[in-house]
Protein backbone atom coordinates (compact mmCIF):
# COMPACT_ATOMS: atom_id res chain seq x y z
CA MET A 1 11.58 -26.17 -38.41
CA SER A 2 8.15 -27.03 -36.65
CA MET A 3 4.98 -24.70 -36.12
CA GLU A 4 5.68 -24.88 -32.53
CA ASN A 5 8.87 -23.94 -32.27
CA SER A 6 8.66 -20.85 -34.16
CA ASN A 7 5.96 -19.96 -32.09
CA SER A 8 7.92 -20.00 -28.91
CA ARG A 9 10.49 -17.88 -30.25
CA MET A 10 8.00 -15.08 -31.18
CA SER A 11 6.36 -15.25 -27.54
CA PHE A 12 4.91 -12.16 -26.30
CA ASP A 13 4.74 -13.12 -22.93
CA LEU A 14 5.59 -10.16 -20.38
CA SER A 15 7.41 -12.81 -18.03
CA ILE A 16 10.63 -12.21 -16.29
CA HIS A 17 12.07 -14.81 -18.32
CA ASN A 18 11.67 -13.01 -21.54
CA ARG A 19 14.16 -10.06 -20.86
CA GLY A 20 13.92 -8.89 -24.55
CA LEU A 21 10.29 -7.74 -24.15
CA PHE A 22 9.97 -7.11 -20.31
CA LEU A 23 13.06 -4.69 -20.12
CA PRO A 24 11.72 -2.35 -22.90
CA ALA A 25 7.94 -2.56 -21.47
CA PHE A 26 9.51 -1.55 -18.24
CA LEU A 27 11.15 1.43 -19.48
CA VAL A 28 7.84 2.41 -21.28
CA THR A 29 6.23 2.47 -17.96
CA GLN A 30 9.02 4.73 -16.50
CA VAL A 31 8.12 7.18 -18.96
CA PRO A 32 4.47 8.31 -17.86
CA GLY A 33 6.06 8.36 -14.12
CA MET A 34 8.49 10.85 -15.06
CA ILE A 35 6.19 12.73 -16.94
CA ALA A 36 3.82 12.86 -13.94
CA ILE A 37 6.28 14.38 -11.82
CA ILE A 38 7.46 16.87 -14.14
CA MET A 39 4.00 18.07 -14.66
CA MET A 40 3.24 18.14 -11.31
CA PHE A 41 6.18 20.17 -10.31
CA TYR A 42 5.35 22.56 -13.52
CA TRP A 43 1.56 22.71 -12.40
CA THR A 44 2.73 23.60 -8.58
CA ILE A 45 4.85 26.51 -9.77
CA GLU A 46 3.13 27.69 -12.48
CA TYR A 47 -0.72 27.58 -11.19
CA ARG A 48 -0.17 27.14 -7.43
CA GLY A 49 2.57 29.94 -6.70
CA GLY A 50 5.50 27.71 -6.09
CA PHE A 51 6.81 26.04 -3.13
CA SER A 52 7.58 27.46 0.33
CA TRP A 53 8.86 25.77 3.81
CA GLY A 54 7.66 26.52 7.15
CA ALA A 55 5.11 28.21 9.03
CA ALA A 56 5.44 31.61 7.45
CA ASP A 57 3.33 30.59 4.39
CA PRO A 58 1.31 27.53 4.93
CA GLY A 59 -0.64 27.64 1.53
CA HIS A 60 2.57 27.50 -0.24
CA ALA A 61 4.22 25.00 2.31
CA PHE A 62 1.23 22.70 1.37
CA ASN A 63 2.50 22.75 -2.23
CA TRP A 64 4.93 20.11 -1.57
CA HIS A 65 2.17 17.63 -0.74
CA PRO A 66 1.10 16.86 -4.06
CA LEU A 67 4.28 16.44 -5.41
CA LEU A 68 5.71 14.47 -2.90
CA MET A 69 2.66 12.12 -3.02
CA THR A 70 3.36 11.92 -6.82
CA ILE A 71 7.11 11.00 -6.41
CA GLY A 72 6.11 8.90 -3.56
CA MET A 73 2.88 6.82 -4.21
CA VAL A 74 2.87 6.81 -7.92
CA TYR A 75 6.75 6.60 -8.95
CA LEU A 76 8.76 5.16 -6.06
CA TYR A 77 5.85 2.82 -5.17
CA GLY A 78 5.52 1.25 -8.22
CA ASN A 79 9.39 0.85 -8.76
CA GLY A 80 9.76 -0.93 -5.15
CA ALA A 81 7.13 -3.34 -6.28
CA LEU A 82 8.88 -3.94 -9.22
CA ILE A 83 12.62 -4.21 -8.13
CA TYR A 84 12.39 -8.03 -7.89
CA ARG A 85 11.18 -8.24 -11.66
CA VAL A 86 13.49 -5.84 -13.03
CA LEU A 87 16.72 -6.99 -11.29
CA PRO A 88 16.01 -10.82 -10.82
CA PRO A 89 18.39 -12.17 -7.94
CA VAL A 90 21.38 -14.49 -9.33
CA ASP A 91 22.16 -16.00 -5.75
CA GLN A 92 21.21 -15.51 -2.10
CA SER A 93 23.43 -12.29 -1.48
CA MET A 94 21.82 -10.73 -4.37
CA LYS A 95 18.46 -11.45 -2.92
CA MET A 96 19.05 -9.81 0.16
CA LYS A 97 20.54 -6.76 -1.37
CA LEU A 98 17.15 -6.64 -3.40
CA LYS A 99 15.09 -7.04 -0.33
CA ILE A 100 16.96 -4.30 1.34
CA ALA A 101 16.61 -1.95 -1.94
CA HIS A 102 13.12 -2.86 -1.70
CA ALA A 103 12.71 -2.09 1.89
CA MET A 104 14.43 1.27 1.41
CA THR A 105 12.50 2.05 -1.35
CA MET A 106 9.07 1.64 0.60
CA GLY A 107 10.44 3.05 3.53
CA LEU A 108 11.09 6.24 1.39
CA VAL A 109 7.69 6.37 0.37
CA PHE A 110 6.03 5.98 3.84
CA VAL A 111 8.50 9.22 4.72
CA LEU A 112 7.50 11.33 1.86
C-alpha cells in the first residue's frame, strides 16, 4: 500500500463527502445550541421572573425576546444555513424539498 493511498483514507477533511467525520462534527455543534437555549430559558425563569403574555405585565412579556432570539438567531438560523450540508440532495425533487425546508426555517427565524 502506498503512502499516498493511506493518507487519503485518514483524511480529516470536513467536507460534505467525508460523512464519517462531518455528521459527528455537526452533532457536536448542536449541543452548544441546545445548551444555550436551555440556559436562556433557565436564566429567564430564575433571574428575570419568568414569562408573561400581553400588556398587563410588559416587563415579563419582554422576557420572551432573549429566549426567542436565542432560538431563532443562534439555533434555527445556523441549522437553516446547514440544511444543504447535513442532507445532501440526491435528485432534483430532493433539492426542491431542501429548498422549501431552508425557506421555511429562515421564515420561522424571521417571524421569531
